Amino acid sequence: HSLSHWGTLVFLVSLAYIMERRFTENHRRLKVYSRELEDKSEQLEE
C-alpha cells in the first residue's frame, strides 16, 4: 500500500504546529508589549 499521503499528513501537522507556535509566540509578545505599555501608562499617570 502507498504511504506518501500519510507522510504528507505528518508533514502538514508539523507545518501547522510551526504556524501555531508562531501565532502563540506573537500573541505572547503582544501581551508582553501590552503589559509594558500598561506599566508605562501607569508611570505616566503617577
All heavy atoms as atom14 arrays in JSON, in Angstrom:
{
  "sequence": "HSLSHWGTLVFLVSLAYIMERRFTENHRRLKVYSRELEDKSEQLEE",
  "atom14_mask": [
    [1, 1, 1, 1, 1, 1, 1, 1, 1, 1, 0, 0, 0, 0],
    [1, 1, 1, 1, 1, 1, 0, 0, 0, 0, 0, 0, 0, 0],
    [1, 1, 1, 1, 1, 1, 1, 1, 0, 0, 0, 0, 0, 0],
    [1, 1, 1, 1, 1, 1, 0, 0, 0, 0, 0, 0, 0, 0],
    [1, 1, 1, 1, 1, 1, 1, 1, 1, 1, 0, 0, 0, 0],
    [1, 1, 1, 1, 1, 1, 1, 1, 1, 1, 1, 1, 1, 1],
    [1, 1, 1, 1, 0, 0, 0, 0, 0, 0, 0, 0, 0, 0],
    [1, 1, 1, 1, 1, 1, 1, 0, 0, 0, 0, 0, 0, 0],
    [1, 1, 1, 1, 1, 1, 1, 1, 0, 0, 0, 0, 0, 0],
    [1, 1, 1, 1, 1, 1, 1, 0, 0, 0, 0, 0, 0, 0],
    [1, 1, 1, 1, 1, 1, 1, 1, 1, 1, 1, 0, 0, 0],
    [1, 1, 1, 1, 1, 1, 1, 1, 0, 0, 0, 0, 0, 0],
    [1, 1, 1, 1, 1, 1, 1, 0, 0, 0, 0, 0, 0, 0],
    [1, 1, 1, 1, 1, 1, 0, 0, 0, 0, 0, 0, 0, 0],
    [1, 1, 1, 1, 1, 1, 1, 1, 0, 0, 0, 0, 0, 0],
    [1, 1, 1, 1, 1, 0, 0, 0, 0, 0, 0, 0, 0, 0],
    [1, 1, 1, 1, 1, 1, 1, 1, 1, 1, 1, 1, 0, 0],
    [1, 1, 1, 1, 1, 1, 1, 1, 0, 0, 0, 0, 0, 0],
    [1, 1, 1, 1, 1, 1, 1, 1, 0, 0, 0, 0, 0, 0],
    [1, 1, 1, 1, 1, 1, 1, 1, 1, 0, 0, 0, 0, 0],
    [1, 1, 1, 1, 1, 1, 1, 1, 1, 1, 1, 0, 0, 0],
    [1, 1, 1, 1, 1, 1, 1, 1, 1, 1, 1, 0, 0, 0],
    [1, 1, 1, 1, 1, 1, 1, 1, 1, 1, 1, 0, 0, 0],
    [1, 1, 1, 1, 1, 1, 1, 0, 0, 0, 0, 0, 0, 0],
    [1, 1, 1, 1, 1, 1, 1, 1, 1, 0, 0, 0, 0, 0],
    [1, 1, 1, 1, 1, 1, 1, 1, 0, 0, 0, 0, 0, 0],
    [1, 1, 1, 1, 1, 1, 1, 1, 1, 1, 0, 0, 0, 0],
    [1, 1, 1, 1, 1, 1, 1, 1, 1, 1, 1, 0, 0, 0],
    [1, 1, 1, 1, 1, 1, 1, 1, 1, 1, 1, 0, 0, 0],
    [1, 1, 1, 1, 1, 1, 1, 1, 0, 0, 0, 0, 0, 0],
    [1, 1, 1, 1, 1, 1, 1, 1, 1, 0, 0, 0, 0, 0],
    [1, 1, 1, 1, 1, 1, 1, 0, 0, 0, 0, 0, 0, 0],
    [1, 1, 1, 1, 1, 1, 1, 1, 1, 1, 1, 1, 0, 0],
    [1, 1, 1, 1, 1, 1, 0, 0, 0, 0, 0, 0, 0, 0],
    [1, 1, 1, 1, 1, 1, 1, 1, 1, 1, 1, 0, 0, 0],
    [1, 1, 1, 1, 1, 1, 1, 1, 1, 0, 0, 0, 0, 0],
    [1, 1, 1, 1, 1, 1, 1, 1, 0, 0, 0, 0, 0, 0],
    [1, 1, 1, 1, 1, 1, 1, 1, 1, 0, 0, 0, 0, 0],
    [1, 1, 1, 1, 1, 1, 1, 1, 0, 0, 0, 0, 0, 0],
    [1, 1, 1, 1, 1, 1, 1, 1, 1, 0, 0, 0, 0, 0],
    [1, 1, 1, 1, 1, 1, 0, 0, 0, 0, 0, 0, 0, 0],
    [1, 1, 1, 1, 1, 1, 1, 1, 1, 0, 0, 0, 0, 0],
    [1, 1, 1, 1, 1, 1, 1, 1, 1, 0, 0, 0, 0, 0],
    [1, 1, 1, 1, 1, 1, 1, 1, 0, 0, 0, 0, 0, 0],
    [1, 1, 1, 1, 1, 1, 1, 1, 1, 0, 0, 0, 0, 0],
    [1, 1, 1, 1, 1, 1, 1, 1, 1, 0, 0, 0, 0, 0]
  ],
  "atom14_positions": [
    [[0.84, -1.19, 0.0], [0.0, 0.0, 0.0], [0.88, 1.24, 0.0], [1.99, 1.24, 0.54], [-0.93, 0.03, 1.22], [-2.04, 1.02, 1.08], [-3.09, 0.85, 0.22], [-2.25, 2.21, 1.69], [-3.91, 1.88, 0.3], [-3.42, 2.71, 1.2], [0.0, 0.0, 0.0], [0.0, 0.0, 0.0], [0.0, 0.0, 0.0], [0.0, 0.0, 0.0]],
    [[0.38, 2.32, -0.61], [1.12, 3.58, -0.65], [1.09, 4.26, 0.71], [0.11, 4.15, 1.46], [0.51, 4.51, -1.71], [0.58, 3.93, -2.99], [0.0, 0.0, 0.0], [0.0, 0.0, 0.0], [0.0, 0.0, 0.0], [0.0, 0.0, 0.0], [0.0, 0.0, 0.0], [0.0, 0.0, 0.0], [0.0, 0.0, 0.0], [0.0, 0.0, 0.0]],
    [[2.17, 4.98, 1.03], [2.29, 5.64, 2.32], [2.53, 7.14, 2.21], [2.51, 7.84, 3.23], [3.44, 5.03, 3.13], [3.29, 3.56, 3.55], [4.55, 3.13, 4.29], [2.05, 3.35, 4.4], [0.0, 0.0, 0.0], [0.0, 0.0, 0.0], [0.0, 0.0, 0.0], [0.0, 0.0, 0.0], [0.0, 0.0, 0.0], [0.0, 0.0, 0.0]],
    [[2.75, 7.65, 1.01], [3.15, 9.05, 0.87], [2.07, 10.0, 1.38], [2.39, 11.07, 1.93], [3.47, 9.37, -0.59], [2.35, 9.14, -1.42], [0.0, 0.0, 0.0], [0.0, 0.0, 0.0], [0.0, 0.0, 0.0], [0.0, 0.0, 0.0], [0.0, 0.0, 0.0], [0.0, 0.0, 0.0], [0.0, 0.0, 0.0], [0.0, 0.0, 0.0]],
    [[0.79, 9.65, 1.23], [-0.26, 10.54, 1.72], [-0.26, 10.6, 3.24], [-0.61, 11.63, 3.83], [-1.64, 10.11, 1.18], [-1.92, 8.66, 1.29], [-1.46, 7.73, 0.38], [-2.62, 7.95, 2.21], [-1.87, 6.53, 0.73], [-2.57, 6.63, 1.83], [0.0, 0.0, 0.0], [0.0, 0.0, 0.0], [0.0, 0.0, 0.0], [0.0, 0.0, 0.0]],
    [[0.13, 9.49, 3.91], [0.26, 9.54, 5.37], [1.46, 10.38, 5.76], [1.43, 11.1, 6.77], [0.37, 8.13, 5.92], [-0.91, 7.35, 5.79], [-1.19, 6.39, 4.86], [-2.08, 7.48, 6.58], [-2.46, 5.91, 5.03], [-3.04, 6.55, 6.09], [-2.42, 8.28, 7.68], [-4.3, 6.43, 6.65], [-3.69, 8.14, 8.24], [-4.6, 7.23, 7.72]],
    [[2.56, 10.28, 4.99], [3.7, 11.15, 5.25], [3.34, 12.61, 5.06], [3.8, 13.49, 5.8], [0.0, 0.0, 0.0], [0.0, 0.0, 0.0], [0.0, 0.0, 0.0], [0.0, 0.0, 0.0], [0.0, 0.0, 0.0], [0.0, 0.0, 0.0], [0.0, 0.0, 0.0], [0.0, 0.0, 0.0], [0.0, 0.0, 0.0], [0.0, 0.0, 0.0]],
    [[2.48, 12.9, 4.07], [2.02, 14.27, 3.85], [1.21, 14.75, 5.04], [1.3, 15.92, 5.45], [1.18, 14.34, 2.57], [1.95, 13.88, 1.46], [0.74, 15.78, 2.3], [0.0, 0.0, 0.0], [0.0, 0.0, 0.0], [0.0, 0.0, 0.0], [0.0, 0.0, 0.0], [0.0, 0.0, 0.0], [0.0, 0.0, 0.0], [0.0, 0.0, 0.0]],
    [[0.39, 13.85, 5.61], [-0.37, 14.22, 6.81], [0.56, 14.62, 7.95], [0.35, 15.66, 8.6], [-1.26, 13.05, 7.23], [-2.02, 13.22, 8.55], [-3.02, 14.36, 8.45], [-2.71, 11.93, 8.95], [0.0, 0.0, 0.0], [0.0, 0.0, 0.0], [0.0, 0.0, 0.0], [0.0, 0.0, 0.0], [0.0, 0.0, 0.0], [0.0, 0.0, 0.0]],
    [[1.6, 13.83, 8.19], [2.56, 14.16, 9.26], [3.25, 15.48, 8.96], [3.43, 16.33, 9.84], [3.59, 13.02, 9.4], [4.68, 13.41, 10.4], [2.92, 11.73, 9.83], [0.0, 0.0, 0.0], [0.0, 0.0, 0.0], [0.0, 0.0, 0.0], [0.0, 0.0, 0.0], [0.0, 0.0, 0.0], [0.0, 0.0, 0.0], [0.0, 0.0, 0.0]],
    [[3.62, 15.7, 7.69], [4.3, 16.93, 7.31], [3.39, 18.14, 7.52], [3.82, 19.18, 8.03], [4.74, 16.83, 5.86], [5.53, 18.02, 5.38], [6.66, 18.45, 6.06], [5.15, 18.7, 4.23], [7.39, 19.54, 5.62], [5.88, 19.78, 3.79], [6.99, 20.2, 4.47], [0.0, 0.0, 0.0], [0.0, 0.0, 0.0], [0.0, 0.0, 0.0]],
    [[2.11, 18.02, 7.13], [1.19, 19.13, 7.32], [0.95, 19.41, 8.8], [0.81, 20.57, 9.21], [-0.14, 18.83, 6.62], [-0.18, 19.07, 5.11], [-1.51, 18.61, 4.54], [0.05, 20.54, 4.8], [0.0, 0.0, 0.0], [0.0, 0.0, 0.0], [0.0, 0.0, 0.0], [0.0, 0.0, 0.0], [0.0, 0.0, 0.0], [0.0, 0.0, 0.0]],
    [[0.91, 18.36, 9.61], [0.76, 18.57, 11.05], [1.97, 19.33, 11.6], [1.83, 20.23, 12.43], [0.59, 17.21, 11.78], [0.71, 17.38, 13.29], [-0.76, 16.61, 11.44], [0.0, 0.0, 0.0], [0.0, 0.0, 0.0], [0.0, 0.0, 0.0], [0.0, 0.0, 0.0], [0.0, 0.0, 0.0], [0.0, 0.0, 0.0], [0.0, 0.0, 0.0]],
    [[3.17, 18.99, 11.12], [4.37, 19.7, 11.57], [4.32, 21.17, 11.14], [4.69, 22.06, 11.91], [5.63, 19.01, 11.04], [5.72, 19.11, 9.63], [0.0, 0.0, 0.0], [0.0, 0.0, 0.0], [0.0, 0.0, 0.0], [0.0, 0.0, 0.0], [0.0, 0.0, 0.0], [0.0, 0.0, 0.0], [0.0, 0.0, 0.0], [0.0, 0.0, 0.0]],
    [[3.87, 21.43, 9.91], [3.75, 22.82, 9.46], [2.7, 23.57, 10.26], [2.88, 24.75, 10.63], [3.4, 22.87, 7.97], [4.42, 22.28, 6.99], [3.98, 22.53, 5.55], [5.81, 22.84, 7.23], [0.0, 0.0, 0.0], [0.0, 0.0, 0.0], [0.0, 0.0, 0.0], [0.0, 0.0, 0.0], [0.0, 0.0, 0.0], [0.0, 0.0, 0.0]],
    [[1.57, 22.9, 10.55], [0.53, 23.54, 11.36], [1.05, 23.82, 12.77], [0.71, 24.85, 13.37], [-0.7, 22.65, 11.41], [0.0, 0.0, 0.0], [0.0, 0.0, 0.0], [0.0, 0.0, 0.0], [0.0, 0.0, 0.0], [0.0, 0.0, 0.0], [0.0, 0.0, 0.0], [0.0, 0.0, 0.0], [0.0, 0.0, 0.0], [0.0, 0.0, 0.0]],
    [[1.87, 22.91, 13.29], [2.44, 23.13, 14.62], [3.39, 24.34, 14.6], [3.39, 25.14, 15.55], [3.19, 21.89, 15.08], [3.89, 22.04, 16.4], [3.16, 22.13, 17.58], [5.27, 22.1, 16.47], [3.8, 22.29, 18.8], [5.92, 22.26, 17.69], [5.18, 22.35, 18.85], [5.81, 22.51, 20.05], [0.0, 0.0, 0.0], [0.0, 0.0, 0.0]],
    [[4.17, 24.46, 13.54], [5.05, 25.63, 13.41], [4.23, 26.91, 13.37], [4.55, 27.91, 14.04], [5.92, 25.51, 12.14], [6.93, 24.37, 12.3], [6.65, 26.82, 11.87], [7.7, 24.08, 11.03], [0.0, 0.0, 0.0], [0.0, 0.0, 0.0], [0.0, 0.0, 0.0], [0.0, 0.0, 0.0], [0.0, 0.0, 0.0], [0.0, 0.0, 0.0]],
    [[3.15, 26.9, 12.59], [2.3, 28.08, 12.49], [1.65, 28.4, 13.83], [1.56, 29.57, 14.22], [1.23, 27.86, 11.41], [0.4, 29.09, 11.11], [-0.62, 28.9, 9.63], [-1.66, 27.53, 10.14], [0.0, 0.0, 0.0], [0.0, 0.0, 0.0], [0.0, 0.0, 0.0], [0.0, 0.0, 0.0], [0.0, 0.0, 0.0], [0.0, 0.0, 0.0]],
    [[1.22, 27.36, 14.54], [0.63, 27.57, 15.87], [1.66, 28.16, 16.83], [1.33, 29.06, 17.62], [0.1, 26.25, 16.4], [-0.46, 26.3, 17.82], [-1.75, 27.08, 17.91], [-2.36, 27.34, 16.85], [-2.14, 27.43, 19.03], [0.0, 0.0, 0.0], [0.0, 0.0, 0.0], [0.0, 0.0, 0.0], [0.0, 0.0, 0.0], [0.0, 0.0, 0.0]],
    [[2.9, 27.66, 16.78], [3.95, 28.21, 17.64], [4.21, 29.68, 17.32], [4.4, 30.5, 18.23], [5.26, 27.42, 17.47], [5.26, 26.06, 18.12], [6.65, 25.44, 18.11], [7.56, 26.13, 19.0], [8.54, 26.94, 18.62], [8.75, 27.19, 17.35], [9.34, 27.5, 19.5], [0.0, 0.0, 0.0], [0.0, 0.0, 0.0], [0.0, 0.0, 0.0]],
    [[4.23, 30.02, 16.03], [4.46, 31.41, 15.65], [3.32, 32.3, 16.15], [3.56, 33.4, 16.66], [4.6, 31.51, 14.13], [5.92, 30.94, 13.6], [7.09, 31.73, 14.14], [8.36, 31.21, 13.68], [9.05, 31.72, 12.65], [8.56, 32.74, 11.96], [10.22, 31.2, 12.3], [0.0, 0.0, 0.0], [0.0, 0.0, 0.0], [0.0, 0.0, 0.0]],
    [[2.08, 31.83, 15.98], [0.96, 32.62, 16.48], [1.03, 32.77, 17.99], [0.78, 33.85, 18.54], [-0.35, 31.95, 16.09], [-0.8, 32.28, 14.69], [-1.17, 31.27, 13.81], [-0.86, 33.59, 14.24], [-1.58, 31.56, 12.53], [-1.26, 33.89, 12.96], [-1.63, 32.87, 12.09], [0.0, 0.0, 0.0], [0.0, 0.0, 0.0], [0.0, 0.0, 0.0]],
    [[1.35, 31.67, 18.69], [1.44, 31.73, 20.15], [2.55, 32.67, 20.59], [2.38, 33.46, 21.54], [1.68, 30.31, 20.71], [0.63, 29.45, 20.28], [1.73, 30.34, 22.23], [0.0, 0.0, 0.0], [0.0, 0.0, 0.0], [0.0, 0.0, 0.0], [0.0, 0.0, 0.0], [0.0, 0.0, 0.0], [0.0, 0.0, 0.0], [0.0, 0.0, 0.0]],
    [[3.7, 32.59, 19.9], [4.82, 33.47, 20.25], [4.47, 34.93, 19.98], [4.75, 35.81, 20.81], [6.06, 33.06, 19.45], [7.29, 33.91, 19.72], [7.8, 33.79, 21.14], [7.47, 32.81, 21.83], [8.55, 34.7, 21.57], [0.0, 0.0, 0.0], [0.0, 0.0, 0.0], [0.0, 0.0, 0.0], [0.0, 0.0, 0.0], [0.0, 0.0, 0.0]],
    [[3.83, 35.2, 18.85], [3.43, 36.57, 18.55], [2.4, 37.07, 19.56], [2.42, 38.24, 19.98], [2.86, 36.65, 17.14], [3.92, 36.45, 16.08], [5.11, 36.64, 16.34], [3.51, 36.06, 14.89], [0.0, 0.0, 0.0], [0.0, 0.0, 0.0], [0.0, 0.0, 0.0], [0.0, 0.0, 0.0], [0.0, 0.0, 0.0], [0.0, 0.0, 0.0]],
    [[1.48, 36.17, 19.95], [0.49, 36.55, 20.96], [1.16, 36.83, 22.3], [0.77, 37.78, 23.0], [-0.53, 35.42, 21.11], [-1.67, 35.75, 22.02], [-2.57, 36.76, 21.75], [-2.05, 35.21, 23.22], [-3.46, 36.83, 22.73], [-3.16, 35.9, 23.64], [0.0, 0.0, 0.0], [0.0, 0.0, 0.0], [0.0, 0.0, 0.0], [0.0, 0.0, 0.0]],
    [[2.17, 36.02, 22.64], [2.89, 36.25, 23.9], [3.63, 37.6, 23.85], [3.6, 38.37, 24.82], [3.88, 35.11, 24.15], [4.6, 35.18, 25.49], [5.74, 34.18, 25.56], [6.77, 34.51, 24.6], [7.71, 35.45, 24.79], [7.72, 36.15, 25.93], [8.63, 35.68, 23.88], [0.0, 0.0, 0.0], [0.0, 0.0, 0.0], [0.0, 0.0, 0.0]],
    [[4.29, 37.86, 22.73], [5.0, 39.14, 22.59], [4.03, 40.31, 22.64], [4.35, 41.36, 23.21], [5.77, 39.15, 21.28], [6.95, 38.19, 21.24], [7.65, 38.24, 19.9], [8.78, 37.32, 19.84], [9.53, 37.14, 18.77], [9.26, 37.81, 17.65], [10.54, 36.29, 18.8], [0.0, 0.0, 0.0], [0.0, 0.0, 0.0], [0.0, 0.0, 0.0]],
    [[2.86, 40.12, 22.05], [1.87, 41.19, 22.09], [1.41, 41.44, 23.52], [1.21, 42.6, 23.93], [0.68, 40.81, 21.21], [-0.43, 41.86, 21.06], [0.13, 43.12, 20.43], [-1.58, 41.31, 20.24], [0.0, 0.0, 0.0], [0.0, 0.0, 0.0], [0.0, 0.0, 0.0], [0.0, 0.0, 0.0], [0.0, 0.0, 0.0], [0.0, 0.0, 0.0]],
    [[1.24, 40.35, 24.3], [0.87, 40.51, 25.7], [1.95, 41.24, 26.47], [1.67, 42.12, 27.29], [0.61, 39.14, 26.32], [-0.77, 38.57, 26.03], [-0.99, 37.31, 26.85], [-2.42, 36.82, 26.68], [-2.67, 35.58, 27.5], [0.0, 0.0, 0.0], [0.0, 0.0, 0.0], [0.0, 0.0, 0.0], [0.0, 0.0, 0.0], [0.0, 0.0, 0.0]],
    [[3.22, 40.84, 26.24], [4.33, 41.5, 26.93], [4.39, 42.97, 26.56], [4.55, 43.85, 27.43], [5.66, 40.8, 26.57], [6.84, 41.6, 27.12], [5.68, 39.38, 27.13], [0.0, 0.0, 0.0], [0.0, 0.0, 0.0], [0.0, 0.0, 0.0], [0.0, 0.0, 0.0], [0.0, 0.0, 0.0], [0.0, 0.0, 0.0], [0.0, 0.0, 0.0]],
    [[4.22, 43.26, 25.28], [4.24, 44.66, 24.83], [3.07, 45.44, 25.43], [3.23, 46.6, 25.85], [4.17, 44.69, 23.31], [4.23, 46.08, 22.71], [5.38, 46.85, 22.8], [3.11, 46.61, 22.08], [5.43, 48.12, 22.26], [3.15, 47.88, 21.54], [4.31, 48.64, 21.63], [4.35, 49.9, 21.09], [0.0, 0.0, 0.0], [0.0, 0.0, 0.0]],
    [[1.9, 44.78, 25.5], [0.73, 45.44, 26.09], [0.95, 45.71, 27.57], [0.58, 46.77, 28.09], [-0.5, 44.57, 25.87], [-1.63, 45.14, 26.48], [0.0, 0.0, 0.0], [0.0, 0.0, 0.0], [0.0, 0.0, 0.0], [0.0, 0.0, 0.0], [0.0, 0.0, 0.0], [0.0, 0.0, 0.0], [0.0, 0.0, 0.0], [0.0, 0.0, 0.0]],
    [[1.58, 44.71, 28.24], [1.85, 44.9, 29.67], [2.84, 46.04, 29.88], [2.71, 46.85, 30.81], [2.4, 43.6, 30.26], [2.47, 43.6, 31.77], [2.99, 42.29, 32.32], [2.19, 41.17, 31.9], [2.61, 40.24, 31.04], [3.84, 40.32, 30.53], [1.83, 39.26, 30.7], [0.0, 0.0, 0.0], [0.0, 0.0, 0.0], [0.0, 0.0, 0.0]],
    [[3.86, 46.13, 29.02], [4.83, 47.23, 29.11], [4.15, 48.57, 28.9], [4.46, 49.55, 29.58], [5.94, 47.01, 28.1], [6.85, 45.83, 28.43], [7.91, 45.61, 27.35], [7.82, 46.29, 26.31], [8.8, 44.77, 27.56], [0.0, 0.0, 0.0], [0.0, 0.0, 0.0], [0.0, 0.0, 0.0], [0.0, 0.0, 0.0], [0.0, 0.0, 0.0]],
    [[3.23, 48.59, 27.92], [2.5, 49.84, 27.7], [1.66, 50.21, 28.9], [1.57, 51.4, 29.27], [1.61, 49.7, 26.45], [2.32, 49.67, 25.1], [1.3, 49.5, 23.98], [3.12, 50.95, 24.88], [0.0, 0.0, 0.0], [0.0, 0.0, 0.0], [0.0, 0.0, 0.0], [0.0, 0.0, 0.0], [0.0, 0.0, 0.0], [0.0, 0.0, 0.0]],
    [[1.02, 49.21, 29.53], [0.22, 49.49, 30.71], [1.1, 50.02, 31.85], [0.71, 50.96, 32.56], [-0.51, 48.22, 31.15], [-1.62, 47.79, 30.21], [-2.28, 46.5, 30.64], [-1.81, 45.93, 31.67], [-3.23, 46.06, 29.98], [0.0, 0.0, 0.0], [0.0, 0.0, 0.0], [0.0, 0.0, 0.0], [0.0, 0.0, 0.0], [0.0, 0.0, 0.0]],
    [[2.29, 49.39, 32.03], [3.2, 49.86, 33.08], [3.64, 51.3, 32.81], [3.67, 52.13, 33.73], [4.43, 48.95, 33.16], [4.07, 47.56, 33.65], [2.99, 47.41, 34.25], [4.87, 46.62, 33.4], [0.0, 0.0, 0.0], [0.0, 0.0, 0.0], [0.0, 0.0, 0.0], [0.0, 0.0, 0.0], [0.0, 0.0, 0.0], [0.0, 0.0, 0.0]],
    [[3.97, 51.58, 31.56], [4.39, 52.95, 31.23], [3.23, 53.93, 31.4], [3.43, 55.07, 31.83], [4.92, 52.98, 29.8], [6.25, 52.27, 29.63], [6.75, 52.39, 28.21], [8.11, 51.68, 28.07], [8.62, 51.78, 26.68], [0.0, 0.0, 0.0], [0.0, 0.0, 0.0], [0.0, 0.0, 0.0], [0.0, 0.0, 0.0], [0.0, 0.0, 0.0]],
    [[2.03, 53.46, 31.07], [0.86, 54.33, 31.25], [0.64, 54.63, 32.73], [0.33, 55.77, 33.1], [-0.37, 53.66, 30.64], [-1.51, 54.44, 30.85], [0.0, 0.0, 0.0], [0.0, 0.0, 0.0], [0.0, 0.0, 0.0], [0.0, 0.0, 0.0], [0.0, 0.0, 0.0], [0.0, 0.0, 0.0], [0.0, 0.0, 0.0], [0.0, 0.0, 0.0]],
    [[0.79, 53.58, 33.56], [0.65, 53.82, 34.99], [1.73, 54.76, 35.51], [1.46, 55.63, 36.36], [0.73, 52.49, 35.74], [-0.47, 51.58, 35.48], [-0.33, 50.24, 36.18], [0.74, 50.03, 36.82], [-1.27, 49.42, 36.09], [0.0, 0.0, 0.0], [0.0, 0.0, 0.0], [0.0, 0.0, 0.0], [0.0, 0.0, 0.0], [0.0, 0.0, 0.0]],
    [[2.97, 54.61, 35.02], [4.04, 55.52, 35.42], [3.73, 56.95, 35.0], [3.97, 57.9, 35.75], [5.36, 55.05, 34.81], [5.87, 53.73, 35.37], [7.12, 53.26, 34.67], [7.64, 53.93, 33.78], [7.61, 52.08, 35.09], [0.0, 0.0, 0.0], [0.0, 0.0, 0.0], [0.0, 0.0, 0.0], [0.0, 0.0, 0.0], [0.0, 0.0, 0.0]],
    [[3.19, 57.09, 33.79], [2.83, 58.43, 33.32], [1.72, 59.04, 34.16], [1.74, 60.24, 34.48], [2.41, 58.37, 31.85], [3.52, 58.13, 30.83], [2.94, 57.96, 29.43], [4.52, 59.28, 30.85], [0.0, 0.0, 0.0], [0.0, 0.0, 0.0], [0.0, 0.0, 0.0], [0.0, 0.0, 0.0], [0.0, 0.0, 0.0], [0.0, 0.0, 0.0]],
    [[0.73, 58.19, 34.53], [-0.34, 58.69, 35.36], [0.19, 59.12, 36.74], [-0.22, 60.15, 37.28], [-1.41, 57.61, 35.52], [-2.21, 57.35, 34.25], [-3.25, 56.27, 34.45], [-3.32, 55.71, 35.58], [-3.99, 55.98, 33.5], [0.0, 0.0, 0.0], [0.0, 0.0, 0.0], [0.0, 0.0, 0.0], [0.0, 0.0, 0.0], [0.0, 0.0, 0.0]],
    [[1.09, 58.29, 37.31], [1.68, 58.65, 38.6], [2.48, 59.94, 38.5], [2.4, 60.81, 39.37], [2.57, 57.5, 39.08], [3.22, 57.75, 40.44], [2.19, 57.79, 41.55], [1.1, 57.22, 41.39], [2.49, 58.42, 42.59], [0.0, 0.0, 0.0], [0.0, 0.0, 0.0], [0.0, 0.0, 0.0], [0.0, 0.0, 0.0], [0.0, 0.0, 0.0]]
  ]
}
